[in-house]
């Protein structure tokens, strides 16, 4: 896949995940725990979802040179967008499976609601109403995957920033050694 296609795909995914993270925080802000089976610190969920959404949106819409400067790398480096996209995919796939597990877990297991809300932000829908399996497969689990995709974006870029530019650079000696093989 070309570098341009990777950048475009990454940016679209980053914006979609960011918007869904912001959208998912709205019910937490509106409900504030009133009338739900458990009382929790809803402001923590709202702040976390908002922060993830804003960071994902920012990476999706900022110029490539700004993102490269923040990561202390070269703006032409393909890993600038491909590495966070891979982490996003891994987090999203695992979060989709967690949402499916949370839906199909029997009520007799008595899952901890605080833990489940942290692992599956859309779990409060299951607590308040009983959604159909189709809505879980097509709406709730993908929304959960997008929220954790935003977590993957933040983790992917944190990894790039902490890794530093010297570990990403391939020296001319390494290129020569690789071309001789």
N, C-alpha and C. Protein backbone atom coordinates (compact mmCIF):
# COMPACT_ATOMS: atom_id res chain seq x y z
N UNK A 1 0.84 -1.17 0.00
CA UNK A 1 0.00 0.00 0.00
C UNK A 1 0.89 1.23 0.00
N UNK A 2 0.51 2.23 -0.76
CA UNK A 2 1.34 3.43 -0.87
C UNK A 2 1.25 4.26 0.41
N UNK A 3 2.24 5.10 0.59
CA UNK A 3 2.31 5.94 1.78
C UNK A 3 1.11 6.90 1.84
N UNK A 4 0.70 7.39 0.68
CA UNK A 4 -0.44 8.31 0.65
C UNK A 4 -1.73 7.61 1.06
N UNK A 5 -1.93 6.38 0.63
CA UNK A 5 -3.12 5.63 1.00
C UNK A 5 -3.12 5.33 2.50
N UNK A 6 -1.97 5.02 3.05
CA UNK A 6 -1.87 4.77 4.49
C UNK A 6 -2.20 6.04 5.27
N UNK A 7 -1.68 7.18 4.83
CA UNK A 7 -1.97 8.45 5.51
C UNK A 7 -3.45 8.77 5.45
N UNK A 8 -4.05 8.61 4.28
CA UNK A 8 -5.47 8.93 4.12
C UNK A 8 -6.33 8.00 4.96
N UNK A 9 -6.05 6.71 4.91
CA UNK A 9 -6.80 5.74 5.71
C UNK A 9 -6.65 6.04 7.20
N UNK A 10 -5.43 6.33 7.61
CA UNK A 10 -5.18 6.63 9.02
C UNK A 10 -5.95 7.86 9.46
N UNK A 11 -5.88 8.91 8.67
CA UNK A 11 -6.55 10.15 9.05
C UNK A 11 -8.06 9.97 9.15
N UNK A 12 -8.64 9.24 8.21
CA UNK A 12 -10.09 9.00 8.27
C UNK A 12 -10.44 8.18 9.51
N UNK A 13 -9.66 7.14 9.79
CA UNK A 13 -9.90 6.33 10.98
C UNK A 13 -9.74 7.15 12.26
N UNK A 14 -8.73 8.01 12.30
CA UNK A 14 -8.49 8.83 13.48
C UNK A 14 -9.65 9.78 13.73
N UNK A 15 -10.16 10.40 12.68
CA UNK A 15 -11.28 11.34 12.83
C UNK A 15 -12.55 10.61 13.25
N UNK A 16 -12.82 9.48 12.63
CA UNK A 16 -14.03 8.71 12.98
C UNK A 16 -13.95 8.24 14.43
N UNK A 17 -12.82 7.70 14.83
CA UNK A 17 -12.68 7.23 16.22
C UNK A 17 -12.80 8.39 17.20
N UNK A 18 -12.23 9.53 16.86
CA UNK A 18 -12.34 10.69 17.73
C UNK A 18 -13.76 11.19 17.87
N UNK A 19 -14.48 11.26 16.76
CA UNK A 19 -15.87 11.71 16.82
C UNK A 19 -16.75 10.73 17.60
N UNK A 20 -16.53 9.45 17.42
CA UNK A 20 -17.32 8.46 18.16
C UNK A 20 -16.99 8.50 19.64
N UNK A 21 -15.74 8.75 19.99
CA UNK A 21 -15.38 8.88 21.40
C UNK A 21 -16.09 10.08 22.02
N UNK A 22 -16.11 11.20 21.30
CA UNK A 22 -16.83 12.37 21.81
C UNK A 22 -18.33 12.10 21.89
N UNK A 23 -18.87 11.44 20.89
CA UNK A 23 -20.30 11.12 20.87
C UNK A 23 -20.67 10.16 21.98
N UNK A 24 -19.80 9.22 22.31
CA UNK A 24 -20.06 8.25 23.36
C UNK A 24 -20.06 8.92 24.74
N UNK A 25 -19.32 9.98 24.90
CA UNK A 25 -19.29 10.68 26.18
C UNK A 25 -20.55 11.46 26.49
N UNK A 26 -21.36 11.77 25.47
CA UNK A 26 -22.56 12.58 25.67
C UNK A 26 -23.56 11.92 26.62
N UNK A 27 -23.90 10.63 26.44
CA UNK A 27 -24.86 10.03 27.40
C UNK A 27 -24.35 10.03 28.83
N UNK A 28 -23.06 9.84 29.03
CA UNK A 28 -22.50 9.90 30.38
C UNK A 28 -22.70 11.30 30.96
N UNK A 29 -22.50 12.31 30.14
CA UNK A 29 -22.65 13.68 30.60
C UNK A 29 -24.11 14.00 30.91
N UNK A 30 -25.01 13.50 30.06
CA UNK A 30 -26.43 13.77 30.26
C UNK A 30 -27.03 13.01 31.44
N UNK A 31 -26.65 11.74 31.59
CA UNK A 31 -27.24 10.93 32.65
C UNK A 31 -26.68 11.24 34.03
N UNK A 32 -25.38 11.41 34.11
CA UNK A 32 -24.68 11.68 35.36
C UNK A 32 -25.03 10.69 36.46
N UNK A 33 -25.33 9.46 36.05
CA UNK A 33 -25.56 8.41 37.03
C UNK A 33 -26.94 8.36 37.63
N UNK A 34 -27.81 9.30 37.27
CA UNK A 34 -29.15 9.34 37.87
C UNK A 34 -29.99 8.20 37.31
N UNK A 35 -30.55 7.41 38.18
CA UNK A 35 -31.46 6.36 37.78
C UNK A 35 -30.81 5.12 37.22
N UNK A 36 -29.50 5.04 37.23
CA UNK A 36 -28.83 3.85 36.74
C UNK A 36 -28.60 2.89 37.91
N UNK A 37 -28.43 1.62 37.61
CA UNK A 37 -28.29 0.62 38.68
C UNK A 37 -27.09 0.86 39.59
N UNK A 38 -26.10 1.55 39.12
CA UNK A 38 -24.94 1.83 39.97
C UNK A 38 -24.67 3.32 39.95
N UNK A 39 -24.06 3.81 40.98
CA UNK A 39 -23.63 5.20 41.00
C UNK A 39 -22.10 5.20 40.86
N UNK A 40 -21.61 5.97 39.96
CA UNK A 40 -20.17 5.99 39.75
C UNK A 40 -19.73 7.42 39.51
N UNK A 41 -18.49 7.58 39.34
CA UNK A 41 -17.93 8.89 39.08
C UNK A 41 -18.00 9.13 37.57
N UNK A 42 -19.12 9.64 37.10
CA UNK A 42 -19.36 9.81 35.67
C UNK A 42 -18.43 10.85 35.06
N UNK A 43 -18.00 11.82 35.84
CA UNK A 43 -17.15 12.86 35.27
C UNK A 43 -15.81 12.30 34.79
N UNK A 44 -15.34 11.23 35.42
CA UNK A 44 -14.09 10.60 34.99
C UNK A 44 -14.27 10.00 33.59
N UNK A 45 -15.40 9.32 33.37
CA UNK A 45 -15.66 8.74 32.06
C UNK A 45 -15.80 9.82 31.00
N UNK A 46 -16.52 10.89 31.34
CA UNK A 46 -16.72 11.98 30.38
C UNK A 46 -15.38 12.63 30.03
N UNK A 47 -14.56 12.89 31.03
CA UNK A 47 -13.26 13.54 30.78
C UNK A 47 -12.35 12.63 29.96
N UNK A 48 -12.33 11.34 30.29
CA UNK A 48 -11.47 10.41 29.54
C UNK A 48 -11.93 10.29 28.09
N UNK A 49 -13.24 10.14 27.88
CA UNK A 49 -13.74 10.03 26.51
C UNK A 49 -13.52 11.31 25.72
N UNK A 50 -13.70 12.45 26.38
CA UNK A 50 -13.47 13.73 25.69
C UNK A 50 -12.00 13.92 25.34
N UNK A 51 -11.11 13.58 26.25
CA UNK A 51 -9.68 13.71 25.99
C UNK A 51 -9.25 12.80 24.84
N UNK A 52 -9.70 11.56 24.87
CA UNK A 52 -9.37 10.63 23.79
C UNK A 52 -9.92 11.12 22.45
N UNK A 53 -11.15 11.62 22.46
CA UNK A 53 -11.75 12.12 21.24
C UNK A 53 -11.02 13.32 20.67
N UNK A 54 -10.68 14.26 21.54
CA UNK A 54 -9.98 15.46 21.07
C UNK A 54 -8.59 15.12 20.54
N UNK A 55 -7.86 14.25 21.24
CA UNK A 55 -6.52 13.87 20.77
C UNK A 55 -6.60 13.13 19.43
N UNK A 56 -7.56 12.24 19.28
CA UNK A 56 -7.70 11.50 18.02
C UNK A 56 -8.08 12.44 16.88
N UNK A 57 -9.00 13.36 17.16
CA UNK A 57 -9.37 14.33 16.14
C UNK A 57 -8.19 15.22 15.76
N UNK A 58 -7.43 15.64 16.77
CA UNK A 58 -6.30 16.52 16.49
C UNK A 58 -5.28 15.84 15.59
N UNK A 59 -4.96 14.60 15.86
CA UNK A 59 -4.00 13.87 15.03
C UNK A 59 -4.55 13.67 13.63
N UNK A 60 -5.86 13.51 13.54
CA UNK A 60 -6.49 13.29 12.24
C UNK A 60 -6.54 14.52 11.36
N UNK A 61 -6.58 15.70 11.96
CA UNK A 61 -6.74 16.91 11.15
C UNK A 61 -5.51 17.82 11.12
N UNK A 62 -4.58 17.63 12.03
CA UNK A 62 -3.37 18.47 12.03
C UNK A 62 -2.50 18.18 10.82
N UNK A 63 -1.77 19.17 10.34
CA UNK A 63 -0.84 18.92 9.23
C UNK A 63 0.21 17.87 9.60
N UNK A 64 0.65 17.16 8.59
CA UNK A 64 1.62 16.08 8.79
C UNK A 64 2.92 16.59 9.40
N UNK A 65 3.33 17.79 9.04
CA UNK A 65 4.58 18.33 9.58
C UNK A 65 4.47 18.58 11.08
N UNK A 66 3.30 18.98 11.56
CA UNK A 66 3.10 19.19 12.99
C UNK A 66 3.15 17.87 13.75
N UNK A 67 2.52 16.86 13.18
CA UNK A 67 2.53 15.54 13.81
C UNK A 67 3.96 15.00 13.84
N UNK A 68 4.70 15.19 12.75
CA UNK A 68 6.08 14.73 12.69
C UNK A 68 6.95 15.47 13.70
N UNK A 69 6.71 16.77 13.83
CA UNK A 69 7.48 17.56 14.79
C UNK A 69 7.18 17.10 16.21
N UNK A 70 5.93 16.81 16.52
CA UNK A 70 5.57 16.33 17.86
C UNK A 70 6.20 14.97 18.16
N UNK A 71 6.31 14.15 17.12
CA UNK A 71 6.92 12.82 17.28
C UNK A 71 8.43 12.85 17.10
N UNK A 72 8.97 14.03 16.85
CA UNK A 72 10.40 14.21 16.63
C UNK A 72 10.92 13.32 15.52
N UNK A 73 10.17 13.30 14.42
CA UNK A 73 10.55 12.45 13.29
C UNK A 73 10.45 13.20 11.98
N UNK A 74 10.62 12.46 10.91
CA UNK A 74 10.56 13.01 9.56
C UNK A 74 9.13 12.94 9.06
N UNK A 75 8.68 13.98 8.37
CA UNK A 75 7.29 13.99 7.90
C UNK A 75 7.05 12.99 6.79
N UNK A 76 8.10 12.47 6.17
CA UNK A 76 7.96 11.47 5.11
C UNK A 76 8.04 10.04 5.64
N UNK A 77 8.22 9.89 6.94
CA UNK A 77 8.31 8.56 7.55
C UNK A 77 6.94 7.89 7.49
N UNK A 78 6.86 6.72 6.88
CA UNK A 78 5.59 6.00 6.73
C UNK A 78 5.07 5.55 8.09
N UNK A 79 5.97 5.24 9.02
CA UNK A 79 5.57 4.76 10.34
C UNK A 79 4.86 5.83 11.16
N UNK A 80 4.93 7.07 10.72
CA UNK A 80 4.27 8.16 11.43
C UNK A 80 2.76 7.93 11.48
N UNK A 81 2.20 7.29 10.47
CA UNK A 81 0.78 6.99 10.46
C UNK A 81 0.48 5.49 10.48
N UNK A 82 1.40 4.68 9.99
CA UNK A 82 1.11 3.24 9.94
C UNK A 82 1.21 2.57 11.31
N UNK A 83 2.16 2.98 12.14
CA UNK A 83 2.30 2.35 13.46
C UNK A 83 1.08 2.62 14.34
N UNK A 84 0.61 3.88 14.47
CA UNK A 84 -0.60 4.08 15.26
C UNK A 84 -1.84 3.41 14.66
N UNK A 85 -1.88 3.28 13.34
CA UNK A 85 -3.02 2.59 12.71
C UNK A 85 -3.03 1.12 13.09
N UNK A 86 -1.86 0.50 13.15
CA UNK A 86 -1.79 -0.91 13.56
C UNK A 86 -2.23 -1.08 15.01
N UNK A 87 -1.80 -0.17 15.88
CA UNK A 87 -2.20 -0.24 17.28
C UNK A 87 -3.70 0.00 17.41
N UNK A 88 -4.22 0.94 16.63
CA UNK A 88 -5.66 1.20 16.61
C UNK A 88 -6.42 -0.06 16.26
N UNK A 89 -5.99 -0.77 15.23
CA UNK A 89 -6.68 -1.99 14.79
C UNK A 89 -6.65 -3.06 15.88
N UNK A 90 -5.52 -3.21 16.55
CA UNK A 90 -5.42 -4.22 17.61
C UNK A 90 -6.35 -3.88 18.78
N UNK A 91 -6.36 -2.61 19.20
CA UNK A 91 -7.22 -2.20 20.30
C UNK A 91 -8.69 -2.31 19.90
N UNK A 92 -9.02 -1.93 18.68
CA UNK A 92 -10.41 -1.97 18.24
C UNK A 92 -10.92 -3.40 18.16
N UNK A 93 -10.12 -4.30 17.66
CA UNK A 93 -10.55 -5.70 17.55
C UNK A 93 -10.78 -6.31 18.94
N UNK A 94 -9.87 -6.04 19.86
CA UNK A 94 -10.05 -6.60 21.21
C UNK A 94 -11.25 -5.96 21.91
N UNK A 95 -11.48 -4.66 21.70
CA UNK A 95 -12.63 -4.00 22.32
C UNK A 95 -13.95 -4.49 21.74
N UNK A 96 -13.97 -4.80 20.46
CA UNK A 96 -15.18 -5.36 19.85
C UNK A 96 -15.52 -6.69 20.51
N UNK A 97 -14.51 -7.52 20.72
CA UNK A 97 -14.73 -8.82 21.36
C UNK A 97 -15.17 -8.66 22.82
N UNK A 98 -14.63 -7.67 23.52
CA UNK A 98 -15.04 -7.42 24.91
C UNK A 98 -16.51 -7.02 24.95
N UNK A 99 -16.94 -6.19 24.01
CA UNK A 99 -18.34 -5.76 23.97
C UNK A 99 -19.27 -6.94 23.70
N UNK A 100 -18.86 -7.83 22.81
CA UNK A 100 -19.67 -9.01 22.52
C UNK A 100 -19.72 -9.92 23.76
N UNK A 101 -18.58 -10.08 24.42
CA UNK A 101 -18.54 -10.87 25.66
C UNK A 101 -19.45 -10.27 26.73
N UNK A 102 -19.39 -8.95 26.90
CA UNK A 102 -20.22 -8.29 27.91
C UNK A 102 -21.70 -8.48 27.64
N UNK A 103 -22.07 -8.52 26.38
CA UNK A 103 -23.48 -8.71 26.06
C UNK A 103 -23.94 -10.13 26.34
N UNK A 104 -23.12 -11.10 25.97
CA UNK A 104 -23.53 -12.49 26.10
C UNK A 104 -23.20 -13.12 27.45
N UNK A 105 -22.53 -12.39 28.33
CA UNK A 105 -22.23 -12.94 29.66
C UNK A 105 -23.52 -13.12 30.44
N UNK A 106 -23.71 -14.28 31.06
CA UNK A 106 -24.94 -14.51 31.81
C UNK A 106 -25.04 -13.56 33.02
N UNK A 107 -26.25 -13.23 33.39
CA UNK A 107 -26.46 -12.34 34.54
C UNK A 107 -25.98 -12.96 35.84
N UNK A 108 -25.90 -14.28 35.88
CA UNK A 108 -25.46 -14.96 37.10
C UNK A 108 -23.98 -14.75 37.39
N UNK A 109 -23.23 -14.29 36.40
CA UNK A 109 -21.80 -14.03 36.62
C UNK A 109 -21.58 -12.78 37.45
N UNK A 110 -22.55 -11.91 37.52
CA UNK A 110 -22.45 -10.67 38.30
C UNK A 110 -21.18 -9.90 37.98
N UNK A 111 -21.05 -9.50 36.74
CA UNK A 111 -19.88 -8.71 36.33
C UNK A 111 -19.86 -7.38 37.08
N UNK A 112 -18.70 -6.96 37.47
CA UNK A 112 -18.54 -5.69 38.17
C UNK A 112 -18.87 -4.55 37.21
N UNK A 113 -19.92 -3.77 37.49
CA UNK A 113 -20.31 -2.71 36.56
C UNK A 113 -19.24 -1.64 36.36
N UNK A 114 -18.50 -1.30 37.41
CA UNK A 114 -17.44 -0.30 37.25
C UNK A 114 -16.37 -0.77 36.28
N UNK A 115 -15.98 -2.03 36.41
CA UNK A 115 -14.98 -2.59 35.52
C UNK A 115 -15.51 -2.67 34.10
N UNK A 116 -16.75 -3.11 33.97
CA UNK A 116 -17.33 -3.25 32.63
C UNK A 116 -17.52 -1.90 31.96
N UNK A 117 -17.85 -0.86 32.72
CA UNK A 117 -17.97 0.48 32.13
C UNK A 117 -16.61 1.00 31.68
N UNK A 118 -15.57 0.62 32.39
CA UNK A 118 -14.22 1.04 31.97
C UNK A 118 -13.78 0.27 30.73
N UNK A 119 -14.15 -1.01 30.64
CA UNK A 119 -13.76 -1.82 29.49
C UNK A 119 -14.69 -1.65 28.30
N UNK A 120 -15.93 -1.29 28.56
CA UNK A 120 -16.93 -1.19 27.50
C UNK A 120 -17.82 0.02 27.79
N UNK A 121 -17.48 1.19 27.26
CA UNK A 121 -18.25 2.40 27.58
C UNK A 121 -19.74 2.29 27.24
N UNK A 122 -20.09 1.46 26.30
CA UNK A 122 -21.50 1.33 25.94
C UNK A 122 -22.22 0.29 26.81
N UNK A 123 -21.57 -0.20 27.86
CA UNK A 123 -22.17 -1.19 28.74
C UNK A 123 -23.38 -0.63 29.49
N UNK A 124 -23.41 0.70 29.67
CA UNK A 124 -24.55 1.27 30.38
C UNK A 124 -25.85 1.07 29.60
N UNK A 125 -25.77 0.87 28.28
CA UNK A 125 -26.97 0.57 27.50
C UNK A 125 -27.53 -0.78 27.92
N UNK A 126 -26.65 -1.75 28.14
CA UNK A 126 -27.10 -3.06 28.59
C UNK A 126 -27.67 -2.98 30.00
N UNK A 127 -27.14 -2.07 30.82
CA UNK A 127 -27.63 -1.93 32.18
C UNK A 127 -29.01 -1.27 32.21
N UNK A 128 -29.28 -0.37 31.30
CA UNK A 128 -30.54 0.36 31.34
C UNK A 128 -31.63 -0.28 30.51
N UNK A 129 -31.28 -0.78 29.34
CA UNK A 129 -32.25 -1.48 28.49
C UNK A 129 -31.62 -2.78 28.02
N UNK A 130 -32.41 -3.62 27.44
CA UNK A 130 -31.88 -4.88 26.92
C UNK A 130 -31.83 -4.78 25.40
N UNK A 131 -30.66 -4.44 24.84
CA UNK A 131 -30.57 -4.28 23.39
C UNK A 131 -30.63 -5.63 22.67
N UNK A 132 -31.01 -5.57 21.41
CA UNK A 132 -31.06 -6.79 20.61
C UNK A 132 -29.65 -7.18 20.19
N UNK A 133 -29.43 -8.45 19.87
CA UNK A 133 -28.09 -8.87 19.41
C UNK A 133 -27.65 -8.12 18.15
N UNK A 134 -28.59 -7.83 17.25
CA UNK A 134 -28.24 -7.10 16.04
C UNK A 134 -27.72 -5.70 16.36
N UNK A 135 -28.36 -5.03 17.31
CA UNK A 135 -27.88 -3.69 17.67
C UNK A 135 -26.51 -3.76 18.36
N UNK A 136 -26.26 -4.84 19.08
CA UNK A 136 -24.94 -4.99 19.70
C UNK A 136 -23.88 -5.21 18.64
N UNK A 137 -24.16 -6.11 17.68
CA UNK A 137 -23.19 -6.40 16.63
C UNK A 137 -22.92 -5.20 15.73
N UNK A 138 -23.97 -4.46 15.40
CA UNK A 138 -23.85 -3.40 14.39
C UNK A 138 -23.69 -2.00 14.94
N UNK A 139 -24.00 -1.77 16.23
CA UNK A 139 -23.92 -0.42 16.76
C UNK A 139 -23.06 -0.32 18.02
N UNK A 140 -23.41 -1.06 19.04
CA UNK A 140 -22.74 -0.89 20.32
C UNK A 140 -21.30 -1.41 20.31
N UNK A 141 -21.08 -2.59 19.77
CA UNK A 141 -19.71 -3.14 19.73
C UNK A 141 -18.80 -2.32 18.81
N UNK A 142 -19.26 -1.88 17.63
CA UNK A 142 -18.39 -1.00 16.83
C UNK A 142 -18.10 0.34 17.51
N UNK A 143 -19.07 0.86 18.25
CA UNK A 143 -18.79 2.11 18.98
C UNK A 143 -17.75 1.88 20.06
N UNK A 144 -17.84 0.76 20.74
CA UNK A 144 -16.83 0.41 21.74
C UNK A 144 -15.46 0.23 21.08
N UNK A 145 -15.45 -0.40 19.92
CA UNK A 145 -14.20 -0.58 19.19
C UNK A 145 -13.61 0.77 18.78
N UNK A 146 -14.44 1.70 18.39
CA UNK A 146 -13.94 3.02 17.99
C UNK A 146 -13.37 3.78 19.19
N UNK A 147 -14.02 3.67 20.34
CA UNK A 147 -13.50 4.34 21.53
C UNK A 147 -12.13 3.78 21.89
N UNK A 148 -12.01 2.46 21.88
CA UNK A 148 -10.70 1.89 22.20
C UNK A 148 -9.72 2.03 21.04
N UNK A 149 -10.23 2.27 19.83
CA UNK A 149 -9.36 2.66 18.73
C UNK A 149 -8.69 3.98 19.03
N UNK A 150 -9.45 4.89 19.66
CA UNK A 150 -8.86 6.18 20.08
C UNK A 150 -7.77 5.96 21.12
N UNK A 151 -8.00 5.01 22.02
CA UNK A 151 -6.95 4.66 23.00
C UNK A 151 -5.72 4.15 22.25
N UNK A 152 -5.95 3.31 21.22
CA UNK A 152 -4.84 2.80 20.42
C UNK A 152 -4.08 3.90 19.71
N UNK A 153 -4.78 4.92 19.24
CA UNK A 153 -4.11 6.05 18.59
C UNK A 153 -3.20 6.76 19.58
N UNK A 154 -3.72 7.04 20.76
CA UNK A 154 -2.92 7.73 21.78
C UNK A 154 -1.72 6.88 22.18
N UNK A 155 -1.94 5.58 22.37
CA UNK A 155 -0.83 4.68 22.73
C UNK A 155 0.19 4.61 21.59
N UNK A 156 -0.29 4.52 20.36
CA UNK A 156 0.62 4.45 19.20
C UNK A 156 1.50 5.68 19.07
N UNK A 157 0.90 6.85 19.24
CA UNK A 157 1.71 8.06 19.14
C UNK A 157 2.59 8.26 20.37
N UNK A 158 2.12 7.85 21.54
CA UNK A 158 2.99 7.92 22.72
C UNK A 158 4.21 7.03 22.52
N UNK A 159 3.99 5.87 21.92
CA UNK A 159 5.11 4.96 21.63
C UNK A 159 6.08 5.62 20.65
N UNK A 160 5.56 6.29 19.62
CA UNK A 160 6.45 6.96 18.67
C UNK A 160 7.23 8.10 19.32
N UNK A 161 6.56 8.85 20.19
CA UNK A 161 7.23 9.97 20.85
C UNK A 161 8.29 9.47 21.82
N UNK A 162 7.96 8.46 22.61
CA UNK A 162 8.91 7.96 23.60
C UNK A 162 10.06 7.19 22.98
N UNK A 163 9.81 6.61 21.83
CA UNK A 163 10.85 5.85 21.15
C UNK A 163 11.98 6.74 20.65
N UNK A 164 11.65 7.94 20.27
CA UNK A 164 12.66 8.89 19.82
C UNK A 164 13.04 8.70 18.37
N UNK A 165 13.56 9.76 17.76
CA UNK A 165 13.90 9.70 16.34
C UNK A 165 15.11 8.85 16.03
N UNK A 166 16.04 8.70 16.96
CA UNK A 166 17.26 7.96 16.65
C UNK A 166 16.99 6.47 16.44
N UNK A 167 15.97 5.93 17.07
CA UNK A 167 15.68 4.51 16.87
C UNK A 167 14.91 4.26 15.58
N UNK A 168 14.31 5.32 15.00
CA UNK A 168 13.56 5.16 13.76
C UNK A 168 14.42 5.36 12.53
N UNK A 169 15.53 6.05 12.71
CA UNK A 169 16.38 6.34 11.56
C UNK A 169 17.18 5.12 11.14
N UNK A 170 17.25 4.94 9.86
CA UNK A 170 18.08 3.87 9.31
C UNK A 170 19.31 4.56 8.73
N UNK A 171 20.45 4.19 9.25
CA UNK A 171 21.68 4.84 8.79
C UNK A 171 22.06 4.31 7.41
N UNK A 172 22.93 5.03 6.76
CA UNK A 172 23.38 4.61 5.43
C UNK A 172 24.15 3.29 5.52
N UNK A 173 24.86 3.04 6.63
CA UNK A 173 25.56 1.76 6.80
C UNK A 173 24.57 0.61 6.87
N UNK A 174 23.43 0.82 7.56
CA UNK A 174 22.42 -0.23 7.66
C UNK A 174 21.77 -0.48 6.31
N UNK A 175 21.53 0.60 5.53
CA UNK A 175 20.94 0.42 4.21
C UNK A 175 21.88 -0.36 3.30
N UNK A 176 23.18 -0.05 3.38
CA UNK A 176 24.15 -0.75 2.56
C UNK A 176 24.21 -2.22 2.97
N UNK A 177 24.20 -2.48 4.27
CA UNK A 177 24.25 -3.85 4.75
C UNK A 177 23.00 -4.62 4.34
N UNK A 178 21.83 -3.96 4.38
CA UNK A 178 20.60 -4.63 3.97
C UNK A 178 20.55 -4.87 2.47
N UNK A 179 21.12 -3.96 1.69
CA UNK A 179 21.09 -4.14 0.23
C UNK A 179 22.07 -5.23 -0.22
N UNK A 180 23.12 -5.48 0.59
CA UNK A 180 24.08 -6.51 0.22
C UNK A 180 23.51 -7.91 0.47
N UNK A 181 22.53 -8.00 1.34
CA UNK A 181 21.98 -9.32 1.70
C UNK A 181 21.09 -9.84 0.64
